[in-house]
Amino acid sequence: MIRRLKAAWLYLQRYPYVALPDGYWTNADAKALSNFMGSDTGAKIRNMRWNRVYEAQQRAVTDRNDPAYAAGIAFGILGVTHEEDQLLRISLPESESQENNTQPNSGQFRSVNR
């Protein structure tokens, strides 16, 4: 238990928590990220990121040294990947979101990772 607390404390010393204000990520940020992820360089980053997910998952299954730790790493990498995909969402103003709900596929998020 002490070892884990020490590890957590050392981690927080190196990577401190950053409090983000409400509205920190805007629609303009989502559009800019979406444009970048749609570019050739963005496609390369997506492919490299998904390869990391697959490699971590494979190590979690095959590595016998500490399987619980390896599975946690794989799950964490997958979670970060999904969080990055969530940053691509653009939220409509309330008035526009009510009008657009009648269109097919409205409100559905399409990941750039497919």
N, C-alpha and C. Protein backbone atom coordinates (compact mmCIF):
# COMPACT_ATOMS: atom_id res chain seq x y z
N MET A 1 0.83 -1.20 0.00
CA MET A 1 0.00 0.00 0.00
C MET A 1 0.87 1.26 0.00
N ILE A 2 1.90 1.27 0.82
CA ILE A 2 2.79 2.43 0.90
C ILE A 2 3.50 2.62 -0.45
N ARG A 3 3.88 1.51 -1.06
CA ARG A 3 4.56 1.58 -2.35
C ARG A 3 3.67 2.24 -3.41
N ARG A 4 2.40 1.91 -3.41
CA ARG A 4 1.46 2.50 -4.37
C ARG A 4 1.24 3.98 -4.10
N LEU A 5 1.13 4.35 -2.84
CA LEU A 5 0.98 5.76 -2.50
C LEU A 5 2.20 6.57 -2.91
N LYS A 6 3.37 5.99 -2.69
CA LYS A 6 4.61 6.67 -3.09
C LYS A 6 4.66 6.83 -4.60
N ALA A 7 4.27 5.79 -5.32
CA ALA A 7 4.26 5.87 -6.79
C ALA A 7 3.27 6.93 -7.27
N ALA A 8 2.10 6.99 -6.65
CA ALA A 8 1.11 8.00 -7.03
C ALA A 8 1.63 9.40 -6.74
N TRP A 9 2.26 9.58 -5.57
CA TRP A 9 2.81 10.88 -5.21
C TRP A 9 3.90 11.31 -6.19
N LEU A 10 4.80 10.39 -6.54
CA LEU A 10 5.86 10.71 -7.50
C LEU A 10 5.29 11.05 -8.87
N TYR A 11 4.25 10.34 -9.28
CA TYR A 11 3.62 10.60 -10.57
C TYR A 11 3.02 12.01 -10.57
N LEU A 12 2.32 12.37 -9.50
CA LEU A 12 1.71 13.70 -9.44
C LEU A 12 2.76 14.81 -9.36
N GLN A 13 3.94 14.50 -8.84
CA GLN A 13 5.00 15.50 -8.82
C GLN A 13 5.49 15.79 -10.24
N ARG A 14 5.53 14.76 -11.04
CA ARG A 14 6.03 14.92 -12.41
C ARG A 14 4.95 15.41 -13.36
N TYR A 15 3.73 14.95 -13.18
CA TYR A 15 2.61 15.31 -14.05
C TYR A 15 1.48 15.89 -13.19
N PRO A 16 1.57 17.14 -12.83
CA PRO A 16 0.55 17.72 -11.94
C PRO A 16 -0.79 17.86 -12.65
N TYR A 17 -1.84 17.82 -11.86
CA TYR A 17 -3.19 17.98 -12.37
C TYR A 17 -3.39 19.43 -12.82
N VAL A 18 -4.03 19.62 -13.96
CA VAL A 18 -4.31 20.96 -14.47
C VAL A 18 -5.83 21.14 -14.48
N ALA A 19 -6.31 22.10 -13.73
CA ALA A 19 -7.75 22.38 -13.69
C ALA A 19 -8.12 23.20 -14.92
N LEU A 20 -9.09 22.71 -15.66
CA LEU A 20 -9.54 23.40 -16.87
C LEU A 20 -10.88 24.09 -16.61
N PRO A 21 -11.02 25.34 -17.03
CA PRO A 21 -12.28 26.03 -16.80
C PRO A 21 -13.39 25.48 -17.70
N ASP A 22 -14.64 25.74 -17.33
CA ASP A 22 -15.77 25.34 -18.16
C ASP A 22 -15.65 26.04 -19.51
N GLY A 23 -16.01 25.33 -20.56
CA GLY A 23 -15.95 25.90 -21.89
C GLY A 23 -14.55 26.00 -22.46
N TYR A 24 -13.61 25.26 -21.86
CA TYR A 24 -12.21 25.31 -22.30
C TYR A 24 -12.07 24.81 -23.75
N TRP A 25 -12.75 23.71 -24.07
CA TRP A 25 -12.71 23.15 -25.42
C TRP A 25 -13.93 23.67 -26.16
N THR A 26 -13.71 24.42 -27.23
CA THR A 26 -14.81 25.06 -27.96
C THR A 26 -15.08 24.35 -29.28
N ASN A 27 -16.15 24.77 -29.93
CA ASN A 27 -16.47 24.22 -31.25
C ASN A 27 -15.37 24.53 -32.26
N ALA A 28 -14.76 25.70 -32.14
CA ALA A 28 -13.65 26.05 -33.05
C ALA A 28 -12.49 25.08 -32.85
N ASP A 29 -12.23 24.69 -31.61
CA ASP A 29 -11.17 23.71 -31.34
C ASP A 29 -11.53 22.36 -31.97
N ALA A 30 -12.78 21.96 -31.83
CA ALA A 30 -13.23 20.68 -32.39
C ALA A 30 -13.11 20.69 -33.91
N LYS A 31 -13.48 21.79 -34.53
CA LYS A 31 -13.38 21.89 -36.00
C LYS A 31 -11.92 21.85 -36.44
N ALA A 32 -11.06 22.58 -35.74
CA ALA A 32 -9.64 22.58 -36.09
C ALA A 32 -9.03 21.19 -35.93
N LEU A 33 -9.39 20.49 -34.85
CA LEU A 33 -8.89 19.13 -34.65
C LEU A 33 -9.43 18.19 -35.71
N SER A 34 -10.70 18.35 -36.05
CA SER A 34 -11.30 17.51 -37.08
C SER A 34 -10.62 17.71 -38.43
N ASN A 35 -10.33 18.97 -38.78
CA ASN A 35 -9.62 19.24 -40.04
C ASN A 35 -8.23 18.61 -40.02
N PHE A 36 -7.55 18.71 -38.90
CA PHE A 36 -6.22 18.12 -38.81
C PHE A 36 -6.28 16.60 -38.90
N MET A 37 -7.21 15.98 -38.16
CA MET A 37 -7.30 14.52 -38.15
C MET A 37 -7.72 13.98 -39.51
N GLY A 38 -8.35 14.81 -40.33
CA GLY A 38 -8.72 14.40 -41.69
C GLY A 38 -7.59 14.54 -42.69
N SER A 39 -6.50 15.18 -42.29
CA SER A 39 -5.36 15.35 -43.19
C SER A 39 -4.50 14.08 -43.22
N ASP A 40 -3.52 14.06 -44.11
CA ASP A 40 -2.63 12.90 -44.20
C ASP A 40 -1.85 12.70 -42.89
N THR A 41 -1.38 13.79 -42.30
CA THR A 41 -0.65 13.70 -41.04
C THR A 41 -1.56 13.20 -39.93
N GLY A 42 -2.79 13.68 -39.90
CA GLY A 42 -3.76 13.22 -38.91
C GLY A 42 -4.05 11.74 -39.05
N ALA A 43 -4.13 11.26 -40.30
CA ALA A 43 -4.36 9.83 -40.53
C ALA A 43 -3.18 9.01 -40.01
N LYS A 44 -1.97 9.52 -40.18
CA LYS A 44 -0.80 8.82 -39.65
C LYS A 44 -0.85 8.75 -38.13
N ILE A 45 -1.22 9.84 -37.49
CA ILE A 45 -1.31 9.85 -36.03
C ILE A 45 -2.39 8.87 -35.56
N ARG A 46 -3.55 8.86 -36.24
CA ARG A 46 -4.61 7.92 -35.87
C ARG A 46 -4.12 6.49 -35.98
N ASN A 47 -3.44 6.17 -37.07
CA ASN A 47 -2.95 4.80 -37.25
C ASN A 47 -1.91 4.43 -36.18
N MET A 48 -1.02 5.35 -35.87
CA MET A 48 -0.02 5.08 -34.82
C MET A 48 -0.69 4.93 -33.47
N ARG A 49 -1.70 5.75 -33.19
CA ARG A 49 -2.42 5.67 -31.91
C ARG A 49 -3.14 4.33 -31.78
N TRP A 50 -3.83 3.90 -32.83
CA TRP A 50 -4.54 2.62 -32.76
C TRP A 50 -3.56 1.45 -32.67
N ASN A 51 -2.40 1.57 -33.30
CA ASN A 51 -1.39 0.52 -33.14
C ASN A 51 -0.94 0.41 -31.69
N ARG A 52 -0.82 1.53 -30.99
CA ARG A 52 -0.48 1.50 -29.57
C ARG A 52 -1.55 0.78 -28.77
N VAL A 53 -2.82 1.03 -29.10
CA VAL A 53 -3.92 0.34 -28.42
C VAL A 53 -3.80 -1.16 -28.64
N TYR A 54 -3.63 -1.57 -29.87
CA TYR A 54 -3.54 -3.01 -30.18
C TYR A 54 -2.32 -3.66 -29.52
N GLU A 55 -1.19 -2.96 -29.55
CA GLU A 55 0.02 -3.51 -28.92
C GLU A 55 -0.18 -3.66 -27.42
N ALA A 56 -0.78 -2.66 -26.78
CA ALA A 56 -1.01 -2.73 -25.34
C ALA A 56 -1.97 -3.86 -25.00
N GLN A 57 -3.01 -4.03 -25.80
CA GLN A 57 -3.95 -5.11 -25.56
C GLN A 57 -3.29 -6.47 -25.75
N GLN A 58 -2.45 -6.59 -26.76
CA GLN A 58 -1.75 -7.86 -27.00
C GLN A 58 -0.80 -8.18 -25.84
N ARG A 59 -0.08 -7.17 -25.35
CA ARG A 59 0.82 -7.39 -24.21
C ARG A 59 0.03 -7.78 -22.97
N ALA A 60 -1.15 -7.19 -22.80
CA ALA A 60 -1.97 -7.52 -21.63
C ALA A 60 -2.40 -8.98 -21.65
N VAL A 61 -2.57 -9.52 -22.84
CA VAL A 61 -3.01 -10.92 -22.95
C VAL A 61 -1.83 -11.89 -22.86
N THR A 62 -0.70 -11.52 -23.45
CA THR A 62 0.42 -12.46 -23.54
C THR A 62 1.45 -12.34 -22.42
N ASP A 63 1.61 -11.15 -21.84
CA ASP A 63 2.63 -10.95 -20.82
C ASP A 63 2.15 -11.51 -19.49
N ARG A 64 2.94 -12.37 -18.90
CA ARG A 64 2.56 -13.02 -17.64
C ARG A 64 3.21 -12.40 -16.42
N ASN A 65 4.06 -11.39 -16.60
CA ASN A 65 4.76 -10.80 -15.45
C ASN A 65 3.79 -10.12 -14.48
N ASP A 66 2.94 -9.27 -14.99
CA ASP A 66 1.96 -8.58 -14.15
C ASP A 66 0.72 -8.31 -14.99
N PRO A 67 -0.12 -9.33 -15.19
CA PRO A 67 -1.25 -9.18 -16.12
C PRO A 67 -2.26 -8.11 -15.70
N ALA A 68 -2.48 -7.92 -14.40
CA ALA A 68 -3.43 -6.89 -13.97
C ALA A 68 -2.91 -5.50 -14.35
N TYR A 69 -1.63 -5.27 -14.17
CA TYR A 69 -1.02 -3.99 -14.53
C TYR A 69 -1.10 -3.77 -16.04
N ALA A 70 -0.74 -4.80 -16.82
CA ALA A 70 -0.76 -4.69 -18.27
C ALA A 70 -2.17 -4.45 -18.79
N ALA A 71 -3.15 -5.10 -18.21
CA ALA A 71 -4.54 -4.90 -18.63
C ALA A 71 -4.97 -3.47 -18.30
N GLY A 72 -4.52 -2.93 -17.19
CA GLY A 72 -4.84 -1.55 -16.83
C GLY A 72 -4.25 -0.56 -17.81
N ILE A 73 -3.01 -0.83 -18.25
CA ILE A 73 -2.37 0.03 -19.25
C ILE A 73 -3.16 -0.01 -20.55
N ALA A 74 -3.53 -1.20 -21.00
CA ALA A 74 -4.28 -1.34 -22.25
C ALA A 74 -5.61 -0.61 -22.17
N PHE A 75 -6.30 -0.75 -21.05
CA PHE A 75 -7.59 -0.10 -20.87
C PHE A 75 -7.41 1.42 -20.83
N GLY A 76 -6.34 1.88 -20.19
CA GLY A 76 -6.07 3.31 -20.12
C GLY A 76 -5.78 3.92 -21.48
N ILE A 77 -5.00 3.22 -22.29
CA ILE A 77 -4.71 3.72 -23.63
C ILE A 77 -5.98 3.78 -24.45
N LEU A 78 -6.81 2.76 -24.35
CA LEU A 78 -8.07 2.76 -25.07
C LEU A 78 -8.97 3.90 -24.60
N GLY A 79 -8.99 4.16 -23.30
CA GLY A 79 -9.79 5.26 -22.77
C GLY A 79 -9.33 6.61 -23.29
N VAL A 80 -8.03 6.82 -23.36
CA VAL A 80 -7.50 8.07 -23.89
C VAL A 80 -7.86 8.23 -25.36
N THR A 81 -7.80 7.13 -26.10
CA THR A 81 -8.16 7.18 -27.52
C THR A 81 -9.62 7.59 -27.68
N HIS A 82 -10.50 7.03 -26.87
CA HIS A 82 -11.91 7.39 -26.95
C HIS A 82 -12.13 8.85 -26.51
N GLU A 83 -11.37 9.30 -25.54
CA GLU A 83 -11.50 10.69 -25.10
C GLU A 83 -11.07 11.64 -26.21
N GLU A 84 -10.02 11.29 -26.94
CA GLU A 84 -9.60 12.13 -28.06
C GLU A 84 -10.69 12.18 -29.13
N ASP A 85 -11.36 11.06 -29.37
CA ASP A 85 -12.46 11.05 -30.33
C ASP A 85 -13.59 11.95 -29.86
N GLN A 86 -13.84 12.00 -28.56
CA GLN A 86 -14.91 12.85 -28.04
C GLN A 86 -14.60 14.33 -28.27
N LEU A 87 -13.32 14.68 -28.33
CA LEU A 87 -12.95 16.07 -28.58
C LEU A 87 -13.34 16.54 -29.97
N LEU A 88 -13.62 15.60 -30.86
CA LEU A 88 -14.01 15.96 -32.22
C LEU A 88 -15.48 16.35 -32.33
N ARG A 89 -16.25 16.15 -31.28
CA ARG A 89 -17.68 16.49 -31.31
C ARG A 89 -17.87 18.00 -31.33
N ILE A 90 -18.77 18.42 -32.19
CA ILE A 90 -19.15 19.83 -32.27
C ILE A 90 -20.56 19.93 -31.75
N SER A 91 -20.77 20.75 -30.74
CA SER A 91 -22.12 20.88 -30.19
C SER A 91 -22.82 22.07 -30.83
N LEU A 92 -24.06 21.83 -31.25
CA LEU A 92 -24.85 22.88 -31.87
C LEU A 92 -25.51 23.74 -30.80
N PRO A 93 -25.77 25.00 -31.11
CA PRO A 93 -26.56 25.79 -30.19
C PRO A 93 -27.94 25.16 -30.01
N GLU A 94 -28.58 25.42 -28.90
CA GLU A 94 -29.86 24.77 -28.57
C GLU A 94 -30.90 24.96 -29.67
N SER A 95 -31.00 26.16 -30.25
CA SER A 95 -32.01 26.40 -31.28
C SER A 95 -31.75 25.55 -32.52
N GLU A 96 -30.49 25.45 -32.94
CA GLU A 96 -30.16 24.66 -34.12
C GLU A 96 -30.29 23.16 -33.85
N SER A 97 -29.98 22.72 -32.65
CA SER A 97 -30.05 21.29 -32.36
C SER A 97 -31.48 20.80 -32.41
N GLN A 98 -32.48 21.64 -32.05
CA GLN A 98 -33.88 21.25 -32.13
C GLN A 98 -34.32 21.13 -33.57
N GLU A 99 -33.84 22.03 -34.45
CA GLU A 99 -34.21 22.00 -35.86
C GLU A 99 -33.58 20.81 -36.58
N ASN A 100 -32.37 20.47 -36.23
CA ASN A 100 -31.63 19.43 -36.94
C ASN A 100 -31.94 18.02 -36.47
N ASN A 101 -32.73 17.85 -35.43
CA ASN A 101 -33.04 16.52 -34.93
C ASN A 101 -33.95 15.74 -35.87
N THR A 102 -34.55 16.41 -36.84
CA THR A 102 -35.44 15.72 -37.78
C THR A 102 -34.68 15.14 -38.96
N GLN A 103 -33.42 15.54 -39.14
CA GLN A 103 -32.64 15.05 -40.26
C GLN A 103 -32.09 13.66 -39.95
N PRO A 104 -31.93 12.80 -41.00
CA PRO A 104 -31.33 11.49 -40.74
C PRO A 104 -29.89 11.63 -40.27
N ASN A 105 -29.49 10.76 -39.37
CA ASN A 105 -28.13 10.73 -38.80
C ASN A 105 -27.83 11.94 -37.95
N SER A 106 -28.83 12.75 -37.60
CA SER A 106 -28.52 13.91 -36.77
C SER A 106 -28.17 13.45 -35.36
N GLY A 107 -27.23 14.11 -34.78
CA GLY A 107 -26.83 13.78 -33.42
C GLY A 107 -25.91 12.58 -33.33
N GLN A 108 -25.59 11.94 -34.45
CA GLN A 108 -24.70 10.79 -34.42
C GLN A 108 -23.27 11.26 -34.67
N PHE A 109 -22.38 10.74 -33.90
CA PHE A 109 -20.97 11.08 -34.05
C PHE A 109 -20.32 10.04 -34.95
N ARG A 110 -19.58 10.49 -35.93
CA ARG A 110 -18.85 9.59 -36.82
C ARG A 110 -17.37 9.75 -36.54
N SER A 111 -16.76 8.72 -36.04
CA SER A 111 -15.34 8.76 -35.71
C SER A 111 -14.51 8.81 -36.97
N VAL A 112 -13.41 9.53 -36.93
CA VAL A 112 -12.48 9.58 -38.05
C VAL A 112 -11.55 8.37 -38.04
N ASN A 113 -11.71 7.48 -37.07
CA ASN A 113 -10.80 6.35 -36.94
C ASN A 113 -11.23 5.13 -37.72
N ARG A 114 -12.24 5.23 -38.50
CA ARG A 114 -12.70 4.07 -39.27
C ARG A 114 -12.35 4.21 -40.71
